[in-house]
Amino acid sequence: MNYQPRHPLQSRQEIGRRLRATREALGAKQGEMAEMVGVTKQAWSQYEAGNRRPDLTPMLAFSDRFNISLDWIYKGNPAQLPYTLTNQIAEKLAAMPD
């Protein structure tokens, strides 16, 4: 993946796209992911849609459970992503409309 530094607080839509691509690369459904990180399915759906900025507590749970860095979630820096997920996430992002 090609990392291009941006403002540290990226838009909710960009964060949502990364959450969706990462969830899909992990093979989980929205409801399953919501349960794993301790939020409602509606909250997770709002995170992915970019309607709501993800709260830190569920993102820490997401990070800890799947070894996904907060830098990836909030800033889009893939440097610390697990190698096995990097290409899968890139493919999911490439397939998504902007």
PDB file of N, CA and C in Angstrom:
ATOM      1  N   MET A   1       0.831  -1.173   0.000  1.00  0.00           N
ATOM      2  CA  MET A   1       0.000   0.000   0.000  1.00  0.00           C
ATOM      3  C   MET A   1       0.876   1.236   0.000  1.00  0.00           C
ATOM      4  N   ASN A   2       0.396   2.263  -0.639  1.00  0.00           N
ATOM      5  CA  ASN A   2       1.144   3.513  -0.716  1.00  0.00           C
ATOM      6  C   ASN A   2       0.617   4.476   0.338  1.00  0.00           C
ATOM      7  N   TYR A   3       1.411   4.735   1.367  1.00  0.00           N
ATOM      8  CA  TYR A   3       1.009   5.629   2.448  1.00  0.00           C
ATOM      9  C   TYR A   3       1.396   7.049   2.111  1.00  0.00           C
ATOM     10  N   GLN A   4       0.432   7.945   2.178  1.00  0.00           N
ATOM     11  CA  GLN A   4       0.679   9.362   1.958  1.00  0.00           C
ATOM     12  C   GLN A   4       0.199  10.109   3.193  1.00  0.00           C
ATOM     13  N   PRO A   5       1.131  10.695   3.961  1.00  0.00           N
ATOM     14  CA  PRO A   5       0.730  11.391   5.186  1.00  0.00           C
ATOM     15  C   PRO A   5      -0.265  12.498   4.891  1.00  0.00           C
ATOM     16  N   ARG A   6      -1.240  12.624   5.755  1.00  0.00           N
ATOM     17  CA  ARG A   6      -2.255  13.660   5.659  1.00  0.00           C
ATOM     18  C   ARG A   6      -2.439  14.270   7.032  1.00  0.00           C
ATOM     19  N   HIS A   7      -3.411  15.123   7.117  1.00  0.00           N
ATOM     20  CA  HIS A   7      -3.747  15.684   8.414  1.00  0.00           C
ATOM     21  C   HIS A   7      -4.042  14.535   9.363  1.00  0.00           C
ATOM     22  N   PRO A   8      -3.560  14.609  10.621  1.00  0.00           N
ATOM     23  CA  PRO A   8      -3.735  13.476  11.536  1.00  0.00           C
ATOM     24  C   PRO A   8      -5.177  13.092  11.823  1.00  0.00           C
ATOM     25  N   LEU A   9      -6.087  14.024  11.704  1.00  0.00           N
ATOM     26  CA  LEU A   9      -7.497  13.685  11.934  1.00  0.00           C
ATOM     27  C   LEU A   9      -8.214  13.595  10.597  1.00  0.00           C
ATOM     28  N   GLN A  10      -8.115  12.450   9.982  1.00  0.00           N
ATOM     29  CA  GLN A  10      -8.733  12.265   8.677  1.00  0.00           C
ATOM     30  C   GLN A  10     -10.247  12.250   8.805  1.00  0.00           C
ATOM     31  N   SER A  11     -10.881  12.407   7.670  1.00  0.00           N
ATOM     32  CA  SER A  11     -12.339  12.478   7.658  1.00  0.00           C
ATOM     33  C   SER A  11     -12.963  11.171   8.134  1.00  0.00           C
ATOM     34  N   ARG A  12     -14.179  11.302   8.647  1.00  0.00           N
ATOM     35  CA  ARG A  12     -14.924  10.127   9.094  1.00  0.00           C
ATOM     36  C   ARG A  12     -15.117   9.146   7.949  1.00  0.00           C
ATOM     37  N   GLN A  13     -15.304   9.671   6.723  1.00  0.00           N
ATOM     38  CA  GLN A  13     -15.522   8.793   5.571  1.00  0.00           C
ATOM     39  C   GLN A  13     -14.276   7.947   5.276  1.00  0.00           C
ATOM     40  N   GLU A  14     -13.102   8.541   5.365  1.00  0.00           N
ATOM     41  CA  GLU A  14     -11.876   7.778   5.118  1.00  0.00           C
ATOM     42  C   GLU A  14     -11.674   6.713   6.187  1.00  0.00           C
ATOM     43  N   ILE A  15     -11.925   7.080   7.435  1.00  0.00           N
ATOM     44  CA  ILE A  15     -11.818   6.109   8.530  1.00  0.00           C
ATOM     45  C   ILE A  15     -12.828   4.984   8.319  1.00  0.00           C
ATOM     46  N   GLY A  16     -14.043   5.336   7.941  1.00  0.00           N
ATOM     47  CA  GLY A  16     -15.077   4.335   7.695  1.00  0.00           C
ATOM     48  C   GLY A  16     -14.709   3.365   6.593  1.00  0.00           C
ATOM     49  N   ARG A  17     -14.124   3.887   5.523  1.00  0.00           N
ATOM     50  CA  ARG A  17     -13.691   3.006   4.418  1.00  0.00           C
ATOM     51  C   ARG A  17     -12.646   2.013   4.906  1.00  0.00           C
ATOM     52  N   ARG A  18     -11.701   2.482   5.718  1.00  0.00           N
ATOM     53  CA  ARG A  18     -10.668   1.576   6.231  1.00  0.00           C
ATOM     54  C   ARG A  18     -11.270   0.532   7.158  1.00  0.00           C
ATOM     55  N   LEU A  19     -12.212   0.942   8.004  1.00  0.00           N
ATOM     56  CA  LEU A  19     -12.854  -0.031   8.893  1.00  0.00           C
ATOM     57  C   LEU A  19     -13.600  -1.091   8.093  1.00  0.00           C
ATOM     58  N   ARG A  20     -14.336  -0.658   7.078  1.00  0.00           N
ATOM     59  CA  ARG A  20     -15.087  -1.614   6.262  1.00  0.00           C
ATOM     60  C   ARG A  20     -14.136  -2.574   5.544  1.00  0.00           C
ATOM     61  N   ALA A  21     -13.099  -2.030   4.899  1.00  0.00           N
ATOM     62  CA  ALA A  21     -12.151  -2.877   4.163  1.00  0.00           C
ATOM     63  C   ALA A  21     -11.456  -3.859   5.101  1.00  0.00           C
ATOM     64  N   THR A  22     -11.100  -3.394   6.288  1.00  0.00           N
ATOM     65  CA  THR A  22     -10.421  -4.263   7.251  1.00  0.00           C
ATOM     66  C   THR A  22     -11.359  -5.350   7.746  1.00  0.00           C
ATOM     67  N   ARG A  23     -12.598  -4.969   8.065  1.00  0.00           N
ATOM     68  CA  ARG A  23     -13.580  -5.964   8.511  1.00  0.00           C
ATOM     69  C   ARG A  23     -13.810  -7.020   7.439  1.00  0.00           C
ATOM     70  N   GLU A  24     -13.971  -6.573   6.189  1.00  0.00           N
ATOM     71  CA  GLU A  24     -14.199  -7.519   5.099  1.00  0.00           C
ATOM     72  C   GLU A  24     -12.984  -8.417   4.891  1.00  0.00           C
ATOM     73  N   ALA A  25     -11.779  -7.857   4.998  1.00  0.00           N
ATOM     74  CA  ALA A  25     -10.569  -8.666   4.856  1.00  0.00           C
ATOM     75  C   ALA A  25     -10.475  -9.706   5.969  1.00  0.00           C
ATOM     76  N   LEU A  26     -11.007  -9.387   7.124  1.00  0.00           N
ATOM     77  CA  LEU A  26     -11.019 -10.327   8.243  1.00  0.00           C
ATOM     78  C   LEU A  26     -12.145 -11.349   8.133  1.00  0.00           C
ATOM     79  N   GLY A  27     -13.054 -11.128   7.188  1.00  0.00           N
ATOM     80  CA  GLY A  27     -14.145 -12.073   6.950  1.00  0.00           C
ATOM     81  C   GLY A  27     -15.278 -11.988   7.960  1.00  0.00           C
ATOM     82  N   ALA A  28     -15.468 -10.831   8.563  1.00  0.00           N
ATOM     83  CA  ALA A  28     -16.518 -10.673   9.568  1.00  0.00           C
ATOM     84  C   ALA A  28     -17.670  -9.836   9.017  1.00  0.00           C
ATOM     85  N   LYS A  29     -18.848 -10.072   9.546  1.00  0.00           N
ATOM     86  CA  LYS A  29     -20.020  -9.261   9.227  1.00  0.00           C
ATOM     87  C   LYS A  29     -20.079  -8.099  10.217  1.00  0.00           C
ATOM     88  N   GLN A  30     -20.847  -7.071   9.870  1.00  0.00           N
ATOM     89  CA  GLN A  30     -20.932  -5.902  10.741  1.00  0.00           C
ATOM     90  C   GLN A  30     -21.388  -6.271  12.154  1.00  0.00           C
ATOM     91  N   GLY A  31     -22.408  -7.070  12.260  1.00  0.00           N
ATOM     92  CA  GLY A  31     -22.923  -7.460  13.576  1.00  0.00           C
ATOM     93  C   GLY A  31     -21.896  -8.226  14.395  1.00  0.00           C
ATOM     94  N   GLU A  32     -21.164  -9.110  13.734  1.00  0.00           N
ATOM     95  CA  GLU A  32     -20.119  -9.875  14.423  1.00  0.00           C
ATOM     96  C   GLU A  32     -19.023  -8.944  14.932  1.00  0.00           C
ATOM     97  N   MET A  33     -18.591  -8.014  14.081  1.00  0.00           N
ATOM     98  CA  MET A  33     -17.525  -7.097  14.476  1.00  0.00           C
ATOM     99  C   MET A  33     -17.996  -6.204  15.620  1.00  0.00           C
ATOM    100  N   ALA A  34     -19.220  -5.715  15.521  1.00  0.00           N
ATOM    101  CA  ALA A  34     -19.766  -4.862  16.576  1.00  0.00           C
ATOM    102  C   ALA A  34     -19.742  -5.588  17.919  1.00  0.00           C
ATOM    103  N   GLU A  35     -20.175  -6.825  17.906  1.00  0.00           N
ATOM    104  CA  GLU A  35     -20.189  -7.611  19.141  1.00  0.00           C
ATOM    105  C   GLU A  35     -18.777  -7.826  19.685  1.00  0.00           C
ATOM    106  N   MET A  36     -17.832  -8.106  18.792  1.00  0.00           N
ATOM    107  CA  MET A  36     -16.451  -8.356  19.218  1.00  0.00           C
ATOM    108  C   MET A  36     -15.805  -7.141  19.877  1.00  0.00           C
ATOM    109  N   VAL A  37     -16.185  -5.939  19.435  1.00  0.00           N
ATOM    110  CA  VAL A  37     -15.547  -4.731  19.982  1.00  0.00           C
ATOM    111  C   VAL A  37     -16.426  -4.000  20.995  1.00  0.00           C
ATOM    112  N   GLY A  38     -17.628  -4.518  21.248  1.00  0.00           N
ATOM    113  CA  GLY A  38     -18.467  -3.978  22.303  1.00  0.00           C
ATOM    114  C   GLY A  38     -19.306  -2.770  21.952  1.00  0.00           C
ATOM    115  N   VAL A  39     -19.760  -2.707  20.695  1.00  0.00           N
ATOM    116  CA  VAL A  39     -20.685  -1.637  20.296  1.00  0.00           C
ATOM    117  C   VAL A  39     -21.908  -2.280  19.646  1.00  0.00           C
ATOM    118  N   THR A  40     -22.928  -1.475  19.422  1.00  0.00           N
ATOM    119  CA  THR A  40     -24.112  -1.991  18.733  1.00  0.00           C
ATOM    120  C   THR A  40     -23.814  -2.114  17.242  1.00  0.00           C
ATOM    121  N   LYS A  41     -24.601  -2.927  16.565  1.00  0.00           N
ATOM    122  CA  LYS A  41     -24.451  -3.048  15.116  1.00  0.00           C
ATOM    123  C   LYS A  41     -24.691  -1.697  14.458  1.00  0.00           C
ATOM    124  N   GLN A  42     -25.639  -0.940  14.988  1.00  0.00           N
ATOM    125  CA  GLN A  42     -25.935   0.387  14.442  1.00  0.00           C
ATOM    126  C   GLN A  42     -24.718   1.318  14.569  1.00  0.00           C
ATOM    127  N   ALA A  43     -24.046   1.286  15.718  1.00  0.00           N
ATOM    128  CA  ALA A  43     -22.860   2.137  15.901  1.00  0.00           C
ATOM    129  C   ALA A  43     -21.774   1.758  14.901  1.00  0.00           C
ATOM    130  N   TRP A  44     -21.521   0.437  14.757  1.00  0.00           N
ATOM    131  CA  TRP A  44     -20.487   0.007  13.808  1.00  0.00           C
ATOM    132  C   TRP A  44     -20.859   0.433  12.386  1.00  0.00           C
ATOM    133  N   SER A  45     -22.105   0.271  12.030  1.00  0.00           N
ATOM    134  CA  SER A  45     -22.573   0.677  10.712  1.00  0.00           C
ATOM    135  C   SER A  45     -22.348   2.178  10.496  1.00  0.00           C
ATOM    136  N   GLN A  46     -22.598   2.980  11.521  1.00  0.00           N
ATOM    137  CA  GLN A  46     -22.376   4.418  11.409  1.00  0.00           C
ATOM    138  C   GLN A  46     -20.892   4.744  11.275  1.00  0.00           C
ATOM    139  N   TYR A  47     -20.032   3.983  11.957  1.00  0.00           N
ATOM    140  CA  TYR A  47     -18.587   4.176  11.798  1.00  0.00           C
ATOM    141  C   TYR A  47     -18.191   3.936  10.342  1.00  0.00           C
ATOM    142  N   GLU A  48     -18.626   2.801   9.800  1.00  0.00           N
ATOM    143  CA  GLU A  48     -18.251   2.440   8.428  1.00  0.00           C
ATOM    144  C   GLU A  48     -18.826   3.417   7.394  1.00  0.00           C
ATOM    145  N   ALA A  49     -20.006   3.923   7.645  1.00  0.00           N
ATOM    146  CA  ALA A  49     -20.645   4.847   6.706  1.00  0.00           C
ATOM    147  C   ALA A  49     -20.056   6.250   6.782  1.00  0.00           C
ATOM    148  N   GLY A  50     -19.242   6.490   7.806  1.00  0.00           N
ATOM    149  CA  GLY A  50     -18.661   7.815   7.964  1.00  0.00           C
ATOM    150  C   GLY A  50     -19.607   8.803   8.605  1.00  0.00           C
ATOM    151  N   ASN A  51     -20.677   8.311   9.212  1.00  0.00           N
ATOM    152  CA  ASN A  51     -21.640   9.187   9.876  1.00  0.00           C
ATOM    153  C   ASN A  51     -21.222   9.528  11.299  1.00  0.00           C
ATOM    154  N   ARG A  52     -20.270   8.770  11.810  1.00  0.00           N
ATOM    155  CA  ARG A  52     -19.828   8.941  13.199  1.00  0.00           C
ATOM    156  C   ARG A  52     -18.362   8.574  13.301  1.00  0.00           C
ATOM    157  N   ARG A  53     -17.590   9.411  13.994  1.00  0.00           N
ATOM    158  CA  ARG A  53     -16.173   9.098  14.220  1.00  0.00           C
ATOM    159  C   ARG A  53     -16.101   7.992  15.274  1.00  0.00           C
ATOM    160  N   PRO A  54     -15.317   6.948  15.012  1.00  0.00           N
ATOM    161  CA  PRO A  54     -15.227   5.836  15.959  1.00  0.00           C
ATOM    162  C   PRO A  54     -14.681   6.274  17.316  1.00  0.00           C
ATOM    163  N   ASP A  55     -15.336   5.810  18.363  1.00  0.00           N
ATOM    164  CA  ASP A  55     -14.877   6.065  19.717  1.00  0.00           C
ATOM    165  C   ASP A  55     -13.604   5.265  19.988  1.00  0.00           C
ATOM    166  N   LEU A  56     -12.776   5.773  20.877  1.00  0.00           N
ATOM    167  CA  LEU A  56     -11.482   5.149  21.148  1.00  0.00           C
ATOM    168  C   LEU A  56     -11.612   3.770  21.791  1.00  0.00           C
ATOM    169  N   THR A  57     -12.526   3.605  22.729  1.00  0.00           N
ATOM    170  CA  THR A  57     -12.621   2.325  23.449  1.00  0.00           C
ATOM    171  C   THR A  57     -12.890   1.141  22.520  1.00  0.00           C
ATOM    172  N   PRO A  58     -13.884   1.193  21.621  1.00  0.00           N
ATOM    173  CA  PRO A  58     -14.059   0.042  20.728  1.00  0.00           C
ATOM    174  C   PRO A  58     -12.908  -0.108  19.727  1.00  0.00           C
ATOM    175  N   MET A  59     -12.272   0.993  19.360  1.00  0.00           N
ATOM    176  CA  MET A  59     -11.141   0.881  18.429  1.00  0.00           C
ATOM    177  C   MET A  59      -9.930   0.265  19.112  1.00  0.00           C
ATOM    178  N   LEU A  60      -9.774   0.493  20.414  1.00  0.00           N
ATOM    179  CA  LEU A  60      -8.715  -0.199  21.158  1.00  0.00           C
ATOM    180  C   LEU A  60      -8.999  -1.694  21.211  1.00  0.00           C
ATOM    181  N   ALA A  61     -10.269  -2.058  21.410  1.00  0.00           N
ATOM    182  CA  ALA A  61     -10.654  -3.476  21.408  1.00  0.00           C
ATOM    183  C   ALA A  61     -10.387  -4.097  20.041  1.00  0.00           C
ATOM    184  N   PHE A  62     -10.727  -3.376  18.978  1.00  0.00           N
ATOM    185  CA  PHE A  62     -10.482  -3.826  17.609  1.00  0.00           C
ATOM    186  C   PHE A  62      -8.983  -4.012  17.382  1.00  0.00           C
ATOM    187  N   SER A  63      -8.220  -3.026  17.806  1.00  0.00           N
ATOM    188  CA  SER A  63      -6.767  -3.058  17.663  1.00  0.00           C
ATOM    189  C   SER A  63      -6.163  -4.254  18.399  1.00  0.00           C
ATOM    190  N   ASP A  64      -6.566  -4.441  19.640  1.00  0.00           N
ATOM    191  CA  ASP A  64      -6.020  -5.538  20.447  1.00  0.00           C
ATOM    192  C   ASP A  64      -6.419  -6.909  19.908  1.00  0.00           C
ATOM    193  N   ARG A  65      -7.651  -7.041  19.514  1.00  0.00           N
ATOM    194  CA  ARG A  65      -8.149  -8.354  19.070  1.00  0.00           C
ATOM    195  C   ARG A  65      -7.523  -8.805  17.749  1.00  0.00           C
ATOM    196  N   PHE A  66      -7.322  -7.851  16.825  1.00  0.00           N
ATOM    197  CA  PHE A  66      -6.861  -8.225  15.485  1.00  0.00           C
ATOM    198  C   PHE A  66      -5.460  -7.716  15.145  1.00  0.00           C
ATOM    199  N   ASN A  67      -4.782  -7.125  16.115  1.00  0.00           N
ATOM    200  CA  ASN A  67      -3.440  -6.590  15.895  1.00  0.00           C
ATOM    201  C   ASN A  67      -3.437  -5.546  14.771  1.00  0.00           C
ATOM    202  N   ILE A  68      -4.438  -4.676  14.810  1.00  0.00           N
ATOM    203  CA  ILE A  68      -4.581  -3.592  13.842  1.00  0.00           C
ATOM    204  C   ILE A  68      -4.204  -2.298  14.563  1.00  0.00           C
ATOM    205  N   SER A  69      -3.249  -1.560  14.048  1.00  0.00           N
ATOM    206  CA  SER A  69      -2.791  -0.361  14.749  1.00  0.00           C
ATOM    207  C   SER A  69      -3.810   0.778  14.666  1.00  0.00           C
ATOM    208  N   LEU A  70      -3.818   1.592  15.694  1.00  0.00           N
ATOM    209  CA  LEU A  70      -4.668   2.780  15.694  1.00  0.00           C
ATOM    210  C   LEU A  70      -4.212   3.760  14.621  1.00  0.00           C
ATOM    211  N   ASP A  71      -2.928   3.734  14.274  1.00  0.00           N
ATOM    212  CA  ASP A  71      -2.429   4.574  13.174  1.00  0.00           C
ATOM    213  C   ASP A  71      -3.122   4.212  11.868  1.00  0.00           C
ATOM    214  N   TRP A  72      -3.403   2.936  11.665  1.00  0.00           N
ATOM    215  CA  TRP A  72      -4.123   2.525  10.458  1.00  0.00           C
ATOM    216  C   TRP A  72      -5.561   3.030  10.508  1.00  0.00           C
ATOM    217  N   ILE A  73      -6.210   2.818  11.629  1.00  0.00           N
ATOM    218  CA  ILE A  73      -7.616   3.188  11.747  1.00  0.00           C
ATOM    219  C   ILE A  73      -7.812   4.691  11.573  1.00  0.00           C
ATOM    220  N   TYR A  74      -7.094   5.468  12.346  1.00  0.00           N
ATOM    221  CA  TYR A  74      -7.344   6.905  12.386  1.00  0.00           C
ATOM    222  C   TYR A  74      -6.553   7.725  11.368  1.00  0.00           C
ATOM    223  N   LYS A  75      -5.361   7.262  10.992  1.00  0.00           N
ATOM    224  CA  LYS A  75      -4.513   8.041  10.089  1.00  0.00           C
ATOM    225  C   LYS A  75      -4.309   7.415   8.719  1.00  0.00           C
ATOM    226  N   GLY A  76      -4.578   6.137   8.589  1.00  0.00           N
ATOM    227  CA  GLY A  76      -4.387   5.466   7.311  1.00  0.00           C
ATOM    228  C   GLY A  76      -2.966   5.000   7.071  1.00  0.00           C
ATOM    229  N   ASN A  77      -2.164   4.893   8.123  1.00  0.00           N
ATOM    230  CA  ASN A  77      -0.781   4.440   7.986  1.00  0.00           C
ATOM    231  C   ASN A  77      -0.728   2.920   8.094  1.00  0.00           C
ATOM    232  N   PRO A  78      -0.435   2.229   6.986  1.00  0.00           N
ATOM    233  CA  PRO A  78      -0.457   0.766   6.991  1.00  0.00           C
ATOM    234  C   PRO A  78       0.839   0.117   7.501  1.00  0.00           C
ATOM    235  N   ALA A  79       1.797   0.911   7.954  1.00  0.00           N
ATOM    236  CA  ALA A  79       3.117   0.388   8.310  1.00  0.00           C
ATOM    237  C   ALA A  79       3.068  -0.740   9.336  1.00  0.00           C
ATOM    238  N   GLN A  80       2.137  -0.704  10.263  1.00  0.00           N
ATOM    239  CA  GLN A  80       2.102  -1.720  11.315  1.00  0.00           C
ATOM    240  C   GLN A  80       0.996  -2.753  11.127  1.00  0.00           C
ATOM    241  N   LEU A  81       0.384  -2.762   9.952  1.00  0.00           N
ATOM    242  CA  LEU A  81      -0.624  -3.792   9.688  1.00  0.00           C
ATOM    243  C   LEU A  81       0.035  -5.157   9.587  1.00  0.00           C
ATOM    244  N   PRO A  82      -0.664  -6.194  10.023  1.00  0.00           N
ATOM    245  CA  PRO A  82      -0.134  -7.543   9.813  1.00  0.00           C
ATOM    246  C   PRO A  82       0.051  -7.795   8.310  1.00  0.00           C
ATOM    247  N   TYR A  83       1.173  -8.354   7.960  1.00  0.00           N
ATOM    248  CA  TYR A  83       1.510  -8.579   6.556  1.00  0.00           C
ATOM    249  C   TYR A  83       0.420  -9.342   5.820  1.00  0.00           C
ATOM    250  N   THR A  84      -0.156 -10.312   6.478  1.00  0.00           N
ATOM    251  CA  THR A  84      -1.167 -11.152   5.827  1.00  0.00           C
ATOM    252  C   THR A  84      -2.420 -10.372   5.440  1.00  0.00           C
ATOM    253  N   LEU A  85      -2.685  -9.273   6.133  1.00  0.00           N
ATOM    254  CA  LEU A  85      -3.883  -8.489   5.833  1.00  0.00           C
ATOM    255  C   LEU A  85      -3.640  -7.361   4.838  1.00  0.00           C
ATOM    256  N   THR A  86      -2.427  -6.917   4.709  1.00  0.00           N
ATOM    257  CA  THR A  86      -2.135  -5.724   3.908  1.00  0.00           C
ATOM    258  C   THR A  86      -2.696  -5.816   2.497  1.00  0.00           C
ATOM    259  N   ASN A  87      -2.409  -6.881   1.784  1.00  0.00           N
ATOM    260  CA  ASN A  87      -2.888  -7.021   0.404  1.00  0.00           C
ATOM    261  C   ASN A  87      -4.398  -7.203   0.342  1.00  0.00           C
ATOM    262  N   GLN A  88      -4.949  -7.951   1.280  1.00  0.00           N
ATOM    263  CA  GLN A  88      -6.396  -8.154   1.292  1.00  0.00           C
ATOM    264  C   GLN A  88      -7.132  -6.829   1.508  1.00  0.00           C
ATOM    265  N   ILE A  89      -6.634  -6.005   2.418  1.00  0.00           N
ATOM    266  CA  ILE A  89      -7.252  -4.707   2.682  1.00  0.00           C
ATOM    267  C   ILE A  89      -7.109  -3.807   1.459  1.00  0.00           C
ATOM    268  N   ALA A  90      -5.936  -3.809   0.840  1.00  0.00           N
ATOM    269  CA  ALA A  90      -5.714  -2.985  -0.353  1.00  0.00           C
ATOM    270  C   ALA A  90      -6.690  -3.362  -1.461  1.00  0.00           C
ATOM    271  N   GLU A  91      -6.931  -4.661  -1.649  1.00  0.00           N
ATOM    272  CA  GLU A  91      -7.880  -5.116  -2.664  1.00  0.00           C
ATOM    273  C   GLU A  91      -9.297  -4.651  -2.338  1.00  0.00           C
ATOM    274  N   LYS A  92      -9.683  -4.741  -1.079  1.00  0.00           N
ATOM    275  CA  LYS A  92     -11.029  -4.311  -0.677  1.00  0.00           C
ATOM    276  C   LYS A  92     -11.192  -2.798  -0.899  1.00  0.00           C
ATOM    277  N   LEU A  93     -10.175  -2.014  -0.542  1.00  0.00           N
ATOM    278  CA  LEU A  93     -10.248  -0.562  -0.739  1.00  0.00           C
ATOM    279  C   LEU A  93     -10.322  -0.214  -2.223  1.00  0.00           C
ATOM    280  N   ALA A  94      -9.561  -0.903  -3.050  1.00  0.00           N
ATOM    281  CA  ALA A  94      -9.554  -0.625  -4.479  1.00  0.00           C
ATOM    282  C   ALA A  94     -10.913  -0.919  -5.112  1.00  0.00           C
ATOM    283  N   ALA A  95     -11.631  -1.886  -4.561  1.00  0.00           N
ATOM    284  CA  ALA A  95     -12.933  -2.253  -5.112  1.00  0.00           C
ATOM    285  C   ALA A  95     -14.069  -1.337  -4.650  1.00  0.00           C
ATOM    286  N   MET A  96     -13.805  -0.512  -3.639  1.00  0.00           N
ATOM    287  CA  MET A  96     -14.850   0.367  -3.113  1.00  0.00           C
ATOM    288  C   MET A  96     -14.952   1.652  -3.934  1.00  0.00           C
ATOM    289  N   PRO A  97     -16.173   2.128  -4.113  1.00  0.00           N
ATOM    290  CA  PRO A  97     -16.311   3.438  -4.773  1.00  0.00           C
ATOM    291  C   PRO A  97     -15.801   4.533  -3.843  1.00  0.00           C
ATOM    292  N   ASP A  98     -15.312   5.608  -4.434  1.00  0.00           N
ATOM    293  CA  ASP A  98     -14.808   6.730  -3.611  1.00  0.00           C
ATOM    294  C   ASP A  98     -15.881   7.491  -2.989  1.00  0.00           C
TER     295      ASP A  98
END
